[in-house]
C-alpha cells in the first residue's frame, strides 16, 4: 500500500516519504507563487486550479494561502477566503457551495499519535524512523460562514448554513442552521428570522 493510500484508509503514514513530499512540494511552490502576485494580477486565481483537487468556477482567495497537499481539497461554487488561510489537507477536505472564511482560518485534517514512541520512533522495514501521522476528513456544508481565527480539526462535519464564531476551536460536529462558538466550539442556538439584518439596508 502506497503512503497516500494509507492516509485515505485511516492508517498511520509517513509524511516524510518522497511520494508524499513530491505531492506537497507542488502545492507549496504554487502557493508561494500565488502569494507573490498582486491581488489584481489576472493570473493569480488560476494558480489555484493547478494544485487543488476540485473547485467551482467562482472563487476568491485574498491570500496569503498555505495548502499542504491541495489535491486533497474539494471546494464548491462561490467560495471566499480572507487573509492567511491554512489548509493541512492530509486527509480529504470537502467544502460546499457559498462558503465564507474569515481571516486566519485553519483546517487541520491531520494528527499525530499521543504516545511518544508511536509518534517519533515508528520503524519501517527499510530501517528508517518515521514521524507518524494519521488523518481524518473534514466536511463543511453549504452556506457556511467560518469567522476569524477559527481552527477546525480532523473528523469534523459542519452542517449547512452554520456560523462558527471567531476564535473557536471546532473538535466536534456542528449541526446545520446553528451559531456555534467557543473553545471547544459548541452549538449555542439556531439561526432564526430574528437574526435578519435587512433593516440595515
N, C-alpha and C. Protein backbone atom coordinates (compact mmCIF):
# COMPACT_ATOMS: atom_id res chain seq x y z
N UNK A 1 0.85 -1.19 0.00
CA UNK A 1 0.00 0.00 0.00
C UNK A 1 0.89 1.25 0.00
N UNK A 2 0.61 2.16 -0.92
CA UNK A 2 1.36 3.42 -1.00
C UNK A 2 0.99 4.31 0.19
N UNK A 3 1.86 5.28 0.50
CA UNK A 3 1.63 6.14 1.67
C UNK A 3 0.35 6.96 1.51
N UNK A 4 0.07 7.47 0.33
CA UNK A 4 -1.16 8.25 0.13
C UNK A 4 -2.39 7.37 0.34
N UNK A 5 -2.31 6.12 -0.07
CA UNK A 5 -3.42 5.18 0.15
C UNK A 5 -3.62 4.93 1.64
N UNK A 6 -2.52 4.89 2.41
CA UNK A 6 -2.63 4.73 3.86
C UNK A 6 -3.40 5.89 4.49
N UNK A 7 -3.14 7.10 4.01
CA UNK A 7 -3.87 8.27 4.53
C UNK A 7 -5.37 8.06 4.38
N UNK A 8 -5.79 7.73 3.15
CA UNK A 8 -7.22 7.61 2.86
C UNK A 8 -7.85 6.38 3.52
N UNK A 9 -7.02 5.39 3.90
CA UNK A 9 -7.52 4.21 4.59
C UNK A 9 -7.56 4.40 6.11
N UNK A 10 -7.14 5.59 6.58
CA UNK A 10 -7.15 5.86 8.02
C UNK A 10 -6.02 5.21 8.78
N UNK A 11 -4.93 4.85 8.08
CA UNK A 11 -3.78 4.20 8.71
C UNK A 11 -2.73 5.24 9.11
N UNK A 12 -1.78 4.82 9.96
CA UNK A 12 -0.61 5.64 10.20
C UNK A 12 0.20 5.73 8.90
N UNK A 13 0.75 6.92 8.65
CA UNK A 13 1.54 7.10 7.44
C UNK A 13 2.77 7.94 7.73
N UNK A 14 3.72 7.86 6.83
CA UNK A 14 4.98 8.58 6.96
C UNK A 14 5.01 9.73 5.97
N UNK A 15 4.78 10.95 6.48
CA UNK A 15 4.71 12.13 5.62
C UNK A 15 6.06 12.52 5.03
N UNK A 16 7.12 11.88 5.50
CA UNK A 16 8.46 12.22 5.02
C UNK A 16 8.90 11.41 3.79
N UNK A 17 8.06 10.49 3.34
CA UNK A 17 8.44 9.72 2.16
C UNK A 17 8.46 10.63 0.93
N UNK A 18 9.29 10.26 -0.03
CA UNK A 18 9.38 11.08 -1.25
C UNK A 18 8.04 11.13 -1.97
N UNK A 19 7.30 10.04 -1.94
CA UNK A 19 5.98 10.01 -2.59
C UNK A 19 5.11 11.17 -2.12
N UNK A 20 5.01 11.36 -0.81
CA UNK A 20 4.16 12.41 -0.27
C UNK A 20 4.82 13.79 -0.37
N UNK A 21 6.13 13.83 -0.17
CA UNK A 21 6.82 15.11 -0.28
C UNK A 21 6.69 15.70 -1.68
N UNK A 22 6.70 14.86 -2.69
CA UNK A 22 6.55 15.34 -4.06
C UNK A 22 5.17 15.95 -4.31
N UNK A 23 4.12 15.33 -3.77
CA UNK A 23 2.77 15.87 -3.91
C UNK A 23 2.68 17.23 -3.22
N UNK A 24 3.19 17.28 -1.98
CA UNK A 24 3.13 18.52 -1.21
C UNK A 24 3.98 19.62 -1.84
N UNK A 25 5.12 19.24 -2.39
CA UNK A 25 6.02 20.24 -2.95
C UNK A 25 5.34 21.05 -4.05
N UNK A 26 4.56 20.37 -4.89
CA UNK A 26 3.85 21.07 -5.96
C UNK A 26 2.93 22.15 -5.37
N UNK A 27 2.15 21.78 -4.35
CA UNK A 27 1.25 22.75 -3.72
C UNK A 27 2.03 23.88 -3.05
N UNK A 28 3.11 23.53 -2.37
CA UNK A 28 3.89 24.54 -1.66
C UNK A 28 4.47 25.57 -2.62
N UNK A 29 5.01 25.10 -3.74
CA UNK A 29 5.61 26.01 -4.73
C UNK A 29 4.54 26.92 -5.34
N UNK A 30 3.39 26.34 -5.67
CA UNK A 30 2.34 27.14 -6.28
C UNK A 30 1.71 28.12 -5.29
N UNK A 31 1.62 27.74 -4.02
CA UNK A 31 1.16 28.70 -3.01
C UNK A 31 2.13 29.86 -2.88
N UNK A 32 3.43 29.57 -2.90
CA UNK A 32 4.43 30.64 -2.86
C UNK A 32 4.27 31.57 -4.05
N UNK A 33 4.06 31.00 -5.22
CA UNK A 33 3.86 31.80 -6.44
C UNK A 33 2.62 32.69 -6.29
N UNK A 34 1.52 32.09 -5.85
CA UNK A 34 0.28 32.84 -5.63
C UNK A 34 0.52 34.01 -4.69
N UNK A 35 1.22 33.75 -3.60
CA UNK A 35 1.42 34.76 -2.55
C UNK A 35 2.31 35.91 -2.98
N UNK A 36 3.08 35.74 -4.06
CA UNK A 36 3.94 36.83 -4.53
C UNK A 36 3.22 37.78 -5.47
N UNK A 37 2.08 37.35 -6.00
CA UNK A 37 1.39 38.15 -7.01
C UNK A 37 0.45 39.17 -6.40
N UNK A 38 0.32 40.30 -7.07
CA UNK A 38 -0.62 41.34 -6.65
C UNK A 38 -2.05 40.82 -6.75
N UNK A 39 -2.90 41.27 -5.87
CA UNK A 39 -4.28 40.76 -5.86
C UNK A 39 -5.06 41.12 -7.12
N UNK A 40 -4.60 42.09 -7.90
CA UNK A 40 -5.26 42.43 -9.16
C UNK A 40 -4.63 41.71 -10.36
N UNK A 41 -3.62 40.91 -10.14
CA UNK A 41 -2.98 40.18 -11.23
C UNK A 41 -3.96 39.15 -11.78
N UNK A 42 -4.23 39.22 -13.07
CA UNK A 42 -5.25 38.34 -13.67
C UNK A 42 -4.82 36.88 -13.70
N UNK A 43 -3.54 36.61 -13.50
CA UNK A 43 -3.06 35.23 -13.49
C UNK A 43 -3.10 34.59 -12.11
N UNK A 44 -3.42 35.37 -11.10
CA UNK A 44 -3.28 34.92 -9.71
C UNK A 44 -4.24 33.78 -9.37
N UNK A 45 -5.52 33.98 -9.59
CA UNK A 45 -6.51 33.00 -9.14
C UNK A 45 -6.44 31.68 -9.92
N UNK A 46 -5.98 31.73 -11.16
CA UNK A 46 -5.89 30.49 -11.95
C UNK A 46 -4.85 29.53 -11.39
N UNK A 47 -3.91 30.03 -10.60
CA UNK A 47 -2.89 29.15 -9.99
C UNK A 47 -3.55 28.12 -9.08
N UNK A 48 -4.66 28.50 -8.43
CA UNK A 48 -5.37 27.58 -7.52
C UNK A 48 -5.72 26.28 -8.24
N UNK A 49 -6.17 26.39 -9.48
CA UNK A 49 -6.62 25.20 -10.21
C UNK A 49 -5.47 24.28 -10.60
N UNK A 50 -4.23 24.74 -10.45
CA UNK A 50 -3.08 23.91 -10.79
C UNK A 50 -2.77 22.88 -9.71
N UNK A 51 -3.27 23.10 -8.48
CA UNK A 51 -2.95 22.15 -7.41
C UNK A 51 -4.16 21.67 -6.62
N UNK A 52 -5.30 22.31 -6.74
CA UNK A 52 -6.46 21.95 -5.92
C UNK A 52 -7.12 20.68 -6.47
N UNK A 53 -7.73 19.89 -5.58
CA UNK A 53 -8.44 18.69 -6.03
C UNK A 53 -9.58 19.03 -6.97
N UNK A 54 -10.41 20.00 -6.54
CA UNK A 54 -11.53 20.46 -7.35
C UNK A 54 -12.02 21.77 -6.75
N UNK A 55 -12.48 22.68 -7.63
CA UNK A 55 -13.05 23.94 -7.15
C UNK A 55 -14.03 24.44 -8.19
N UNK A 56 -15.05 25.17 -7.73
CA UNK A 56 -16.05 25.73 -8.64
C UNK A 56 -15.45 26.82 -9.52
N UNK A 57 -16.27 27.37 -10.40
CA UNK A 57 -15.80 28.39 -11.33
C UNK A 57 -15.64 29.76 -10.66
N UNK A 58 -16.42 30.01 -9.62
CA UNK A 58 -16.36 31.31 -8.95
C UNK A 58 -15.75 31.13 -7.56
N UNK A 59 -14.61 31.79 -7.33
CA UNK A 59 -13.94 31.68 -6.03
C UNK A 59 -12.97 32.84 -5.87
N UNK A 60 -12.59 33.12 -4.61
CA UNK A 60 -11.61 34.16 -4.33
C UNK A 60 -10.84 33.84 -3.06
N UNK A 61 -9.52 33.91 -3.16
CA UNK A 61 -8.63 33.78 -2.02
C UNK A 61 -7.89 35.10 -1.86
N UNK A 62 -8.07 35.77 -0.74
CA UNK A 62 -7.37 37.01 -0.53
C UNK A 62 -5.86 36.78 -0.44
N UNK A 63 -5.48 35.69 0.23
CA UNK A 63 -4.06 35.38 0.41
C UNK A 63 -3.47 36.17 1.57
N UNK A 64 -2.31 35.77 2.07
CA UNK A 64 -1.58 34.60 1.62
C UNK A 64 -2.28 33.29 1.99
N UNK A 65 -1.93 32.25 1.25
CA UNK A 65 -2.52 30.93 1.48
C UNK A 65 -1.42 29.91 1.71
N UNK A 66 -1.78 28.83 2.43
CA UNK A 66 -0.88 27.69 2.62
C UNK A 66 -1.72 26.42 2.53
N UNK A 67 -1.45 25.60 1.53
CA UNK A 67 -2.05 24.27 1.41
C UNK A 67 -0.95 23.24 1.56
N UNK A 68 -1.22 22.16 2.30
CA UNK A 68 -0.21 21.12 2.47
C UNK A 68 -0.15 20.21 1.24
N UNK A 69 -1.31 19.72 0.79
CA UNK A 69 -1.37 18.88 -0.41
C UNK A 69 -2.13 19.58 -1.53
N UNK A 70 -3.21 20.26 -1.19
CA UNK A 70 -4.02 20.92 -2.21
C UNK A 70 -4.89 19.94 -2.97
N UNK A 71 -4.29 18.88 -3.48
CA UNK A 71 -5.01 17.89 -4.27
C UNK A 71 -6.01 17.09 -3.43
N UNK A 72 -5.95 17.21 -2.12
CA UNK A 72 -6.89 16.52 -1.22
C UNK A 72 -8.05 17.41 -0.81
N UNK A 73 -8.15 18.62 -1.39
CA UNK A 73 -9.20 19.57 -1.02
C UNK A 73 -10.17 19.76 -2.19
N UNK A 74 -11.47 19.72 -1.88
CA UNK A 74 -12.53 19.80 -2.90
C UNK A 74 -13.52 20.88 -2.47
N UNK A 75 -13.66 21.92 -3.29
CA UNK A 75 -14.41 23.12 -2.92
C UNK A 75 -15.50 23.37 -3.95
N UNK A 76 -16.69 23.75 -3.47
CA UNK A 76 -17.82 24.03 -4.36
C UNK A 76 -17.77 25.41 -4.98
N UNK A 77 -18.94 25.89 -5.40
CA UNK A 77 -19.07 27.19 -6.06
C UNK A 77 -19.08 28.34 -5.05
N UNK A 78 -18.66 29.51 -5.54
CA UNK A 78 -18.77 30.78 -4.80
C UNK A 78 -18.09 30.71 -3.44
N UNK A 79 -16.82 30.33 -3.45
CA UNK A 79 -16.03 30.24 -2.22
C UNK A 79 -15.25 31.53 -2.01
N UNK A 80 -15.15 31.95 -0.74
CA UNK A 80 -14.35 33.12 -0.38
C UNK A 80 -13.52 32.82 0.86
N UNK A 81 -12.23 33.14 0.78
CA UNK A 81 -11.35 33.02 1.94
C UNK A 81 -10.59 34.32 2.13
N UNK A 82 -10.62 34.85 3.33
CA UNK A 82 -9.92 36.08 3.67
C UNK A 82 -8.43 35.78 3.93
N UNK A 83 -7.72 36.72 4.54
CA UNK A 83 -6.28 36.60 4.74
C UNK A 83 -5.87 35.33 5.50
N UNK A 84 -4.70 34.79 5.13
CA UNK A 84 -3.99 33.78 5.92
C UNK A 84 -4.76 32.47 6.11
N UNK A 85 -5.22 31.90 5.03
CA UNK A 85 -5.85 30.58 5.09
C UNK A 85 -4.77 29.50 5.14
N UNK A 86 -4.91 28.58 6.11
CA UNK A 86 -4.01 27.44 6.22
C UNK A 86 -4.83 26.16 6.11
N UNK A 87 -4.45 25.29 5.17
CA UNK A 87 -5.20 24.04 4.94
C UNK A 87 -4.22 22.87 5.01
N UNK A 88 -4.28 22.14 6.13
CA UNK A 88 -3.49 20.91 6.29
C UNK A 88 -4.37 19.75 5.84
N UNK A 89 -4.40 19.56 4.54
CA UNK A 89 -5.33 18.59 3.94
C UNK A 89 -4.64 17.25 3.70
N UNK A 90 -4.07 16.68 4.77
CA UNK A 90 -3.53 15.33 4.64
C UNK A 90 -4.68 14.38 4.31
N UNK A 91 -5.73 14.38 5.12
CA UNK A 91 -6.98 13.71 4.74
C UNK A 91 -7.73 14.62 3.79
N UNK A 92 -8.73 14.09 3.13
CA UNK A 92 -9.53 14.90 2.21
C UNK A 92 -10.38 15.91 2.99
N UNK A 93 -10.56 17.07 2.38
CA UNK A 93 -11.40 18.13 2.93
C UNK A 93 -12.43 18.48 1.87
N UNK A 94 -13.71 18.47 2.27
CA UNK A 94 -14.81 18.79 1.36
C UNK A 94 -15.51 20.05 1.85
N UNK A 95 -15.62 21.04 0.98
CA UNK A 95 -16.23 22.33 1.30
C UNK A 95 -17.35 22.57 0.30
N UNK A 96 -18.54 22.90 0.79
CA UNK A 96 -19.71 23.06 -0.07
C UNK A 96 -19.74 24.37 -0.83
N UNK A 97 -20.93 24.72 -1.33
CA UNK A 97 -21.14 25.96 -2.08
C UNK A 97 -21.38 27.14 -1.13
N UNK A 98 -21.01 28.33 -1.61
CA UNK A 98 -21.31 29.58 -0.90
C UNK A 98 -20.73 29.61 0.51
N UNK A 99 -19.50 29.14 0.64
CA UNK A 99 -18.83 29.11 1.94
C UNK A 99 -17.90 30.32 2.05
N UNK A 100 -17.87 30.93 3.24
CA UNK A 100 -17.05 32.10 3.51
C UNK A 100 -16.14 31.84 4.71
N UNK A 101 -14.85 32.16 4.57
CA UNK A 101 -13.89 32.06 5.66
C UNK A 101 -13.38 33.45 6.01
N UNK A 102 -13.33 33.76 7.30
CA UNK A 102 -12.70 34.98 7.76
C UNK A 102 -11.19 34.85 7.77
N UNK A 103 -10.48 35.88 8.26
CA UNK A 103 -9.02 35.81 8.33
C UNK A 103 -8.54 34.73 9.29
N UNK A 104 -7.39 34.16 8.95
CA UNK A 104 -6.67 33.23 9.84
C UNK A 104 -7.44 31.95 10.16
N UNK A 105 -8.19 31.45 9.21
CA UNK A 105 -8.87 30.15 9.39
C UNK A 105 -7.87 29.04 9.09
N UNK A 106 -7.90 28.00 9.92
CA UNK A 106 -7.03 26.84 9.75
C UNK A 106 -7.87 25.56 9.73
N UNK A 107 -7.72 24.77 8.68
CA UNK A 107 -8.36 23.46 8.59
C UNK A 107 -7.27 22.43 8.79
N UNK A 108 -7.38 21.62 9.84
CA UNK A 108 -6.28 20.75 10.27
C UNK A 108 -6.69 19.28 10.18
N UNK A 109 -6.71 18.76 8.97
CA UNK A 109 -7.11 17.36 8.75
C UNK A 109 -5.89 16.45 8.83
N UNK A 110 -5.18 16.54 9.94
CA UNK A 110 -4.03 15.67 10.19
C UNK A 110 -3.79 15.61 11.69
N UNK A 111 -3.06 14.58 12.12
CA UNK A 111 -2.85 14.40 13.56
C UNK A 111 -1.63 13.50 13.79
N UNK A 112 -1.14 13.48 15.03
CA UNK A 112 -0.06 12.59 15.44
C UNK A 112 -0.53 11.75 16.63
N UNK A 113 0.00 10.53 16.79
CA UNK A 113 -0.32 9.74 17.97
C UNK A 113 0.10 10.45 19.25
N UNK A 114 -0.64 10.21 20.34
CA UNK A 114 -0.30 10.81 21.63
C UNK A 114 0.89 10.13 22.29
N UNK A 115 1.04 8.83 22.07
CA UNK A 115 2.15 8.09 22.68
C UNK A 115 3.43 8.43 21.92
N UNK A 116 4.42 8.94 22.66
CA UNK A 116 5.63 9.47 22.02
C UNK A 116 6.33 8.46 21.13
N UNK A 117 6.46 7.21 21.58
CA UNK A 117 7.16 6.21 20.80
C UNK A 117 6.47 5.95 19.46
N UNK A 118 5.15 6.04 19.45
CA UNK A 118 4.41 5.86 18.21
C UNK A 118 4.53 7.08 17.30
N UNK A 119 4.71 8.22 17.92
CA UNK A 119 4.78 9.47 17.17
C UNK A 119 6.14 9.70 16.52
N UNK A 120 7.21 9.34 17.20
CA UNK A 120 8.55 9.73 16.74
C UNK A 120 9.50 8.57 16.49
N UNK A 121 9.08 7.36 16.73
CA UNK A 121 10.04 6.24 16.63
C UNK A 121 9.49 5.03 15.89
N UNK A 122 8.52 5.22 15.01
CA UNK A 122 8.00 4.10 14.25
C UNK A 122 9.02 3.68 13.20
N UNK A 123 9.49 2.42 13.26
CA UNK A 123 10.49 1.94 12.32
C UNK A 123 9.81 1.24 11.14
N UNK A 124 10.31 1.55 9.97
CA UNK A 124 9.82 0.93 8.75
C UNK A 124 10.74 -0.23 8.36
N UNK A 125 10.27 -1.14 7.49
CA UNK A 125 11.09 -2.31 7.12
C UNK A 125 12.47 -1.95 6.58
N UNK A 126 12.59 -0.77 5.95
CA UNK A 126 13.89 -0.39 5.41
C UNK A 126 14.81 0.22 6.47
N UNK A 127 14.32 0.31 7.72
CA UNK A 127 15.16 0.75 8.82
C UNK A 127 15.02 2.20 9.20
N UNK A 128 14.37 3.02 8.36
CA UNK A 128 14.27 4.43 8.72
C UNK A 128 13.18 4.65 9.77
N UNK A 129 13.30 5.73 10.51
CA UNK A 129 12.36 6.06 11.58
C UNK A 129 11.44 7.18 11.10
N UNK A 130 10.15 7.01 11.32
CA UNK A 130 9.15 7.95 10.84
C UNK A 130 8.57 8.80 11.97
N UNK A 131 8.24 10.03 11.63
CA UNK A 131 7.35 10.83 12.47
C UNK A 131 5.94 10.50 11.98
N UNK A 132 5.25 9.65 12.71
CA UNK A 132 3.99 9.09 12.23
C UNK A 132 2.84 10.07 12.34
N UNK A 133 1.94 9.98 11.38
CA UNK A 133 0.72 10.78 11.35
C UNK A 133 -0.46 9.88 11.00
N UNK A 134 -1.65 10.37 11.32
CA UNK A 134 -2.88 9.78 10.80
C UNK A 134 -3.82 10.94 10.53
N UNK A 135 -4.85 10.73 9.74
CA UNK A 135 -5.66 11.86 9.30
C UNK A 135 -7.12 11.48 9.14
N UNK A 136 -8.01 12.42 9.48
CA UNK A 136 -9.46 12.24 9.32
C UNK A 136 -10.02 13.39 8.49
N UNK A 137 -11.01 13.08 7.68
CA UNK A 137 -11.59 14.07 6.77
C UNK A 137 -12.31 15.19 7.52
N UNK A 138 -12.43 16.32 6.85
CA UNK A 138 -13.27 17.45 7.30
C UNK A 138 -14.34 17.67 6.24
N UNK A 139 -15.58 17.84 6.69
CA UNK A 139 -16.71 18.13 5.79
C UNK A 139 -17.38 19.42 6.23
N UNK A 140 -17.45 20.38 5.33
CA UNK A 140 -18.10 21.67 5.60
C UNK A 140 -19.23 21.82 4.59
N UNK A 141 -20.45 22.03 5.09
CA UNK A 141 -21.63 22.07 4.24
C UNK A 141 -21.76 23.34 3.42
N UNK A 142 -22.93 23.52 2.81
CA UNK A 142 -23.22 24.70 2.00
C UNK A 142 -23.58 25.90 2.88
N UNK A 143 -23.26 27.09 2.39
CA UNK A 143 -23.69 28.36 3.01
C UNK A 143 -23.13 28.55 4.42
N UNK A 144 -21.95 28.01 4.67
CA UNK A 144 -21.33 28.10 5.99
C UNK A 144 -20.44 29.34 6.05
N UNK A 145 -20.48 30.04 7.19
CA UNK A 145 -19.56 31.14 7.45
C UNK A 145 -18.69 30.75 8.64
N UNK A 146 -17.39 30.71 8.43
CA UNK A 146 -16.42 30.44 9.49
C UNK A 146 -15.67 31.75 9.73
N UNK A 147 -15.84 32.33 10.91
CA UNK A 147 -15.30 33.66 11.20
C UNK A 147 -13.81 33.60 11.51
N UNK A 148 -13.24 34.73 11.89
CA UNK A 148 -11.79 34.88 12.04
C UNK A 148 -11.20 33.98 13.12
N UNK A 149 -9.97 33.53 12.86
CA UNK A 149 -9.16 32.82 13.85
C UNK A 149 -9.78 31.51 14.33
N UNK A 150 -10.46 30.82 13.46
CA UNK A 150 -11.08 29.54 13.79
C UNK A 150 -10.16 28.40 13.35
N UNK A 151 -10.08 27.36 14.19
CA UNK A 151 -9.38 26.13 13.85
C UNK A 151 -10.41 25.00 13.79
N UNK A 152 -10.41 24.27 12.68
CA UNK A 152 -11.29 23.10 12.52
C UNK A 152 -10.39 21.87 12.45
N UNK A 153 -10.63 20.90 13.33
CA UNK A 153 -9.78 19.71 13.39
C UNK A 153 -10.38 18.56 12.58
N UNK A 154 -9.56 17.55 12.33
CA UNK A 154 -9.97 16.41 11.53
C UNK A 154 -11.14 15.65 12.14
N UNK A 155 -11.95 15.07 11.27
CA UNK A 155 -13.10 14.28 11.70
C UNK A 155 -14.37 15.07 11.89
N UNK A 156 -14.31 16.40 11.69
CA UNK A 156 -15.46 17.27 11.97
C UNK A 156 -16.35 17.41 10.74
N UNK A 157 -17.68 17.43 11.00
CA UNK A 157 -18.69 17.78 10.00
C UNK A 157 -19.40 19.05 10.47
N UNK A 158 -19.45 20.06 9.61
CA UNK A 158 -20.17 21.30 9.90
C UNK A 158 -21.35 21.36 8.94
N UNK A 159 -22.56 21.45 9.50
CA UNK A 159 -23.77 21.38 8.70
C UNK A 159 -24.06 22.63 7.90
N UNK A 160 -24.98 22.50 6.93
CA UNK A 160 -25.37 23.63 6.07
C UNK A 160 -25.83 24.82 6.90
N UNK A 161 -25.49 26.01 6.43
CA UNK A 161 -25.97 27.29 6.98
C UNK A 161 -25.44 27.60 8.37
N UNK A 162 -24.49 26.82 8.87
CA UNK A 162 -23.94 27.08 10.21
C UNK A 162 -23.01 28.29 10.18
N UNK A 163 -22.87 28.93 11.34
CA UNK A 163 -21.93 30.03 11.53
C UNK A 163 -21.04 29.66 12.71
N UNK A 164 -19.72 29.72 12.50
CA UNK A 164 -18.75 29.42 13.55
C UNK A 164 -18.13 30.72 14.01
N UNK A 165 -18.31 31.06 15.29
CA UNK A 165 -17.86 32.33 15.84
C UNK A 165 -16.36 32.46 15.92
N UNK A 166 -15.88 33.69 15.91
CA UNK A 166 -14.45 34.00 15.89
C UNK A 166 -13.72 33.34 17.06
N UNK A 167 -12.53 32.85 16.79
CA UNK A 167 -11.67 32.29 17.82
C UNK A 167 -12.01 30.89 18.27
N UNK A 168 -12.95 30.25 17.62
CA UNK A 168 -13.39 28.91 18.04
C UNK A 168 -12.41 27.83 17.62
N UNK A 169 -12.41 26.73 18.38
CA UNK A 169 -11.69 25.52 18.01
C UNK A 169 -12.72 24.42 17.87
N UNK A 170 -12.95 23.98 16.63
CA UNK A 170 -14.04 23.05 16.32
C UNK A 170 -13.48 21.63 16.33
N UNK A 171 -13.86 20.86 17.35
CA UNK A 171 -13.38 19.49 17.50
C UNK A 171 -14.51 18.46 17.39
N UNK A 172 -15.75 18.93 17.38
CA UNK A 172 -16.92 18.05 17.28
C UNK A 172 -17.85 18.57 16.18
N UNK A 173 -18.74 17.70 15.72
CA UNK A 173 -19.68 18.09 14.67
C UNK A 173 -20.58 19.24 15.12
N UNK A 174 -20.92 20.10 14.14
CA UNK A 174 -21.82 21.23 14.38
C UNK A 174 -23.03 21.03 13.48
N UNK A 175 -24.26 21.06 14.05
CA UNK A 175 -25.45 20.81 13.22
C UNK A 175 -25.76 21.97 12.29
N UNK A 176 -26.56 21.68 11.28
CA UNK A 176 -27.00 22.70 10.32
C UNK A 176 -27.81 23.78 11.03
N UNK A 177 -27.69 25.00 10.51
CA UNK A 177 -28.53 26.13 10.93
C UNK A 177 -28.25 26.62 12.35
N UNK A 178 -27.06 26.33 12.87
CA UNK A 178 -26.71 26.75 14.22
C UNK A 178 -25.58 27.78 14.22
N UNK A 179 -25.65 28.72 15.18
CA UNK A 179 -24.49 29.51 15.56
C UNK A 179 -23.73 28.69 16.61
N UNK A 180 -22.44 28.57 16.41
CA UNK A 180 -21.62 27.80 17.35
C UNK A 180 -20.33 28.57 17.61
N UNK A 181 -19.86 28.52 18.85
CA UNK A 181 -18.59 29.18 19.16
C UNK A 181 -18.03 28.63 20.46
N UNK A 182 -16.76 28.97 20.71
CA UNK A 182 -16.13 28.58 21.95
C UNK A 182 -14.92 27.68 21.75
N UNK A 183 -14.24 27.44 22.87
CA UNK A 183 -13.08 26.55 22.90
C UNK A 183 -13.30 25.54 24.02
N UNK A 184 -13.77 24.33 23.70
CA UNK A 184 -14.09 23.85 22.36
C UNK A 184 -15.40 24.44 21.86
N UNK A 185 -15.55 24.47 20.53
CA UNK A 185 -16.74 25.03 19.91
C UNK A 185 -17.96 24.16 20.18
N UNK A 186 -19.07 24.83 20.56
CA UNK A 186 -20.33 24.12 20.82
C UNK A 186 -21.49 24.86 20.17
N UNK A 187 -22.51 24.13 19.72
CA UNK A 187 -23.71 24.79 19.20
C UNK A 187 -24.37 25.62 20.30
N UNK A 188 -24.69 26.86 19.99
CA UNK A 188 -25.26 27.76 21.00
C UNK A 188 -26.76 27.93 20.79
N UNK A 189 -27.16 28.20 19.56
CA UNK A 189 -28.59 28.36 19.26
C UNK A 189 -28.82 28.27 17.77
N UNK A 190 -30.05 28.02 17.39
CA UNK A 190 -30.42 28.01 15.98
C UNK A 190 -30.46 29.43 15.44
N UNK A 191 -30.16 29.57 14.18
CA UNK A 191 -30.30 30.84 13.49
C UNK A 191 -31.76 30.96 13.06
N UNK A 192 -32.39 32.12 13.36
CA UNK A 192 -33.81 32.33 13.05
C UNK A 192 -34.02 33.64 12.31
N UNK A 193 -35.26 33.90 11.95
CA UNK A 193 -35.61 35.15 11.26
C UNK A 193 -35.28 36.37 12.13
N UNK A 194 -35.22 36.20 13.45
CA UNK A 194 -34.86 37.31 14.34
C UNK A 194 -33.44 37.80 14.11
N UNK A 195 -32.63 36.99 13.45
CA UNK A 195 -31.25 37.37 13.16
C UNK A 195 -31.11 38.21 11.89
N UNK A 196 -32.22 38.47 11.20
CA UNK A 196 -32.17 39.22 9.96
C UNK A 196 -31.62 40.63 10.18
N UNK A 197 -30.81 41.08 9.22
CA UNK A 197 -30.27 42.43 9.23
C UNK A 197 -30.75 43.25 8.05
N UNK A 198 -31.86 42.83 7.44
CA UNK A 198 -32.38 43.56 6.28
C UNK A 198 -32.77 44.98 6.62
N UNK A 199 -33.02 45.25 7.91
CA UNK A 199 -33.35 46.61 8.32
C UNK A 199 -32.17 47.57 8.15
N UNK A 200 -30.99 47.02 7.96
CA UNK A 200 -29.81 47.85 7.79
C UNK A 200 -29.62 48.30 6.34
N UNK A 201 -30.43 47.77 5.41
CA UNK A 201 -30.34 48.19 4.02
C UNK A 201 -30.66 49.68 3.91
